[in-house]
Protein backbone atom coordinates (compact mmCIF):
# COMPACT_ATOMS: atom_id res chain seq x y z
CA UNK A 1 -17.68 124.08 96.78
CA UNK A 2 -16.72 123.53 93.17
CA UNK A 3 -17.51 125.05 89.80
CA UNK A 4 -18.10 123.20 86.57
CA UNK A 5 -19.38 124.64 83.31
CA UNK A 6 -20.62 127.80 85.05
CA UNK A 7 -22.52 125.90 87.75
CA UNK A 8 -21.52 126.36 91.39
CA UNK A 9 -21.87 123.17 93.44
CA UNK A 10 -22.16 123.38 97.23
CA UNK A 11 -22.17 120.21 99.34
CA UNK A 12 -23.61 120.31 102.85
CA UNK A 13 -22.63 117.36 105.03
CA UNK A 14 -23.70 115.90 108.35
CA UNK A 15 -25.93 117.27 111.05
CA UNK A 16 -26.69 120.79 109.82
CA UNK A 17 -27.47 122.74 113.00
CA UNK A 18 -27.11 126.44 113.78
CA UNK A 19 -24.12 125.77 116.01
CA UNK A 20 -21.99 125.02 112.97
CA UNK A 21 -23.52 127.52 110.56
CA UNK A 22 -21.34 130.59 111.04
CA UNK A 23 -18.80 129.43 108.44
CA UNK A 24 -21.54 128.78 105.89
CA UNK A 25 -23.11 132.16 106.62
CA UNK A 26 -19.76 133.93 106.00
CA UNK A 27 -19.29 131.92 102.81
CA UNK A 28 -22.77 132.97 101.62
CA UNK A 29 -22.10 136.64 102.36
CA UNK A 30 -19.09 136.47 100.05
CA UNK A 31 -20.68 134.18 97.45
CA UNK A 32 -23.91 136.16 97.14
CA UNK A 33 -21.99 139.40 96.60
CA UNK A 34 -20.51 137.93 93.41
CA UNK A 35 -21.96 137.10 90.03
CA UNK A 36 -22.88 133.48 89.42
CA UNK A 37 -24.86 131.62 86.79
CA UNK A 38 -26.46 128.61 88.46
CA UNK A 39 -26.28 126.89 91.85
CA UNK A 40 -26.66 123.26 92.91
CA UNK A 41 -26.73 122.43 96.64
CA UNK A 42 -26.04 118.79 97.45
CA UNK A 43 -27.72 117.55 100.63
CA UNK A 44 -27.01 113.87 99.86
CA UNK A 45 -24.65 113.55 102.83
CA UNK A 46 -26.78 115.60 105.23
CA UNK A 47 -28.52 113.69 108.02
CA UNK A 48 -30.50 116.64 109.45
CA UNK A 49 -31.10 120.30 108.60
CA UNK A 50 -32.43 122.88 111.04
CA UNK A 51 -34.38 126.05 110.34
CA UNK A 52 -31.28 128.28 110.46
CA UNK A 53 -29.66 126.33 107.64
CA UNK A 54 -32.95 126.30 105.74
CA UNK A 55 -32.98 130.07 106.05
CA UNK A 56 -29.43 130.28 104.74
CA UNK A 57 -30.47 128.22 101.72
CA UNK A 58 -33.48 130.52 101.27
CA UNK A 59 -31.04 133.44 100.93
CA UNK A 60 -29.49 131.75 97.88
CA UNK A 61 -32.92 131.14 96.33
CA UNK A 62 -34.05 134.71 96.98
CA UNK A 63 -30.90 136.20 95.42
CA UNK A 64 -31.18 133.92 92.39
CA UNK A 65 -34.83 134.88 91.94
CA UNK A 66 -34.02 138.61 92.17
CA UNK A 67 -31.25 138.18 89.59
CA UNK A 68 -33.56 136.36 87.17
CA UNK A 69 -31.55 133.16 87.48
CA UNK A 70 -33.02 129.65 87.17
CA UNK A 71 -34.23 128.06 90.42
CA UNK A 72 -31.49 126.69 92.66
CA UNK A 73 -31.30 122.89 92.48
CA UNK A 74 -31.28 120.92 95.73
CA UNK A 75 -30.09 117.33 95.62
CA UNK A 76 -31.90 115.52 98.41
CA UNK A 77 -32.37 111.74 98.34
CA UNK A 78 -33.57 111.46 101.96
CA UNK A 79 -37.30 111.34 102.69
CA UNK A 80 -36.89 112.87 106.16
CA UNK A 81 -35.09 115.92 104.79
CA UNK A 82 -37.49 116.15 101.84
CA UNK A 83 -40.43 116.35 104.27
CA UNK A 84 -38.69 119.24 106.03
CA UNK A 85 -38.02 120.96 102.68
CA UNK A 86 -41.67 120.63 101.65
CA UNK A 87 -42.90 121.80 105.06
CA UNK A 88 -41.23 125.21 104.50
CA UNK A 89 -42.42 125.36 100.88
CA UNK A 90 -38.97 124.83 99.33
CA UNK A 91 -40.62 122.76 96.61
CA UNK A 92 -42.13 126.03 95.33
CA UNK A 93 -38.84 127.89 94.85
CA UNK A 94 -36.15 125.22 94.49
CA UNK A 95 -35.79 122.48 91.92
CA UNK A 96 -35.51 119.42 94.20
CA UNK A 97 -34.05 116.20 92.77
CA UNK A 98 -32.98 112.94 94.38
CA UNK A 99 -29.72 112.64 92.46
CA UNK A 100 -27.51 114.51 90.02
CA UNK A 101 -23.99 114.12 88.68
CA UNK A 102 -21.76 116.34 90.84
CA UNK A 103 -18.00 116.95 90.81
CA UNK A 104 -16.02 114.34 92.72
CA UNK A 105 -14.08 116.77 94.89
CA UNK A 106 -16.00 119.52 96.58
CA UNK A 107 -13.99 121.71 98.94
CA UNK A 108 -15.26 121.56 102.52
CA UNK A 109 -15.96 124.81 104.32
CA UNK A 110 -14.52 125.40 107.76
CA UNK A 111 -17.33 125.74 110.25
CA UNK A 112 -17.09 126.28 113.93
CA UNK A 113 -18.88 127.44 116.99
CA UNK A 114 -18.58 130.97 118.35
CA UNK A 115 -17.20 131.83 121.73
CA UNK A 116 -16.66 135.59 122.06
CA UNK A 117 -19.48 138.04 122.74
CA UNK A 118 -18.97 139.54 119.29
CA UNK A 119 -19.19 136.12 117.63
CA UNK A 120 -22.29 135.28 119.67
CA UNK A 121 -23.90 138.51 118.48
CA UNK A 122 -22.94 137.60 114.89
CA UNK A 123 -24.57 134.19 115.38
CA UNK A 124 -27.73 135.83 116.73
CA UNK A 125 -27.85 138.08 113.66
CA UNK A 126 -27.30 135.08 111.37
CA UNK A 127 -30.10 133.08 112.99
CA UNK A 128 -32.44 136.08 112.89
CA UNK A 129 -31.65 136.80 109.24
CA UNK A 130 -32.09 133.13 108.31
CA UNK A 131 -35.52 132.91 109.94
CA UNK A 132 -36.64 136.17 108.35
CA UNK A 133 -35.60 134.69 105.00
CA UNK A 134 -37.85 131.69 105.65
CA UNK A 135 -40.79 133.98 106.43
CA UNK A 136 -40.11 136.06 103.32
CA UNK A 137 -39.89 132.91 101.23
CA UNK A 138 -43.55 132.02 101.74
CA UNK A 139 -46.11 133.71 103.95
CA UNK A 140 -47.28 130.30 105.17
CA UNK A 141 -43.96 130.07 107.05
CA UNK A 142 -44.87 133.11 109.15
CA UNK A 143 -47.00 130.96 111.47
CA UNK A 144 -44.08 128.58 111.99
CA UNK A 145 -41.24 131.06 112.53
CA UNK A 146 -42.62 134.46 113.61
CA UNK A 147 -42.35 133.59 117.31
CA UNK A 148 -38.67 132.71 116.81
CA UNK A 149 -38.05 136.02 115.00
CA UNK A 150 -39.88 137.98 117.71
CA UNK A 151 -37.90 136.27 120.48
CA UNK A 152 -34.58 136.85 118.71
CA UNK A 153 -35.41 140.51 118.07
CA UNK A 154 -36.31 140.98 121.76
CA UNK A 155 -33.02 139.37 122.78
CA UNK A 156 -31.15 141.58 120.32
CA UNK A 157 -32.82 144.73 121.70
CA UNK A 158 -31.83 143.73 125.25
CA UNK A 159 -28.22 143.24 124.15
CA UNK A 160 -28.12 146.60 122.36
CA UNK A 161 -29.45 148.32 125.42
């Protein structure tokens, strides 16, 4: 992450799967509780993005929209990822570009898998929240993700007794 001229830049790198998303989720909890002007998310070095990470990005877009901020910009030069972004209607709420001048040094976030029961429950909550964000983003996503949300909620109810 870096800031330049009031714009927050976030770079997401590699194979973006739920197993490595807990660090990004914690970062977002902190970031979204603060005031910011504009956000650019750089996916140039991403090779894959799963629905959990899409849902985490949707949280940024939803908060920006509620705050009356301009649409979040996604930098995505890869056709495969762009197809995924369009399939969940991101082209309706994000400004998607193939390139943009970004700061040279963006701090990498520590991400890691969870091992304790508490961390596994936190991951379940993160995945559930991310998929609900995708459904809330556009009703057309309900068909794609409602079964996942239902299954996660059932699992959560079993865990909570």
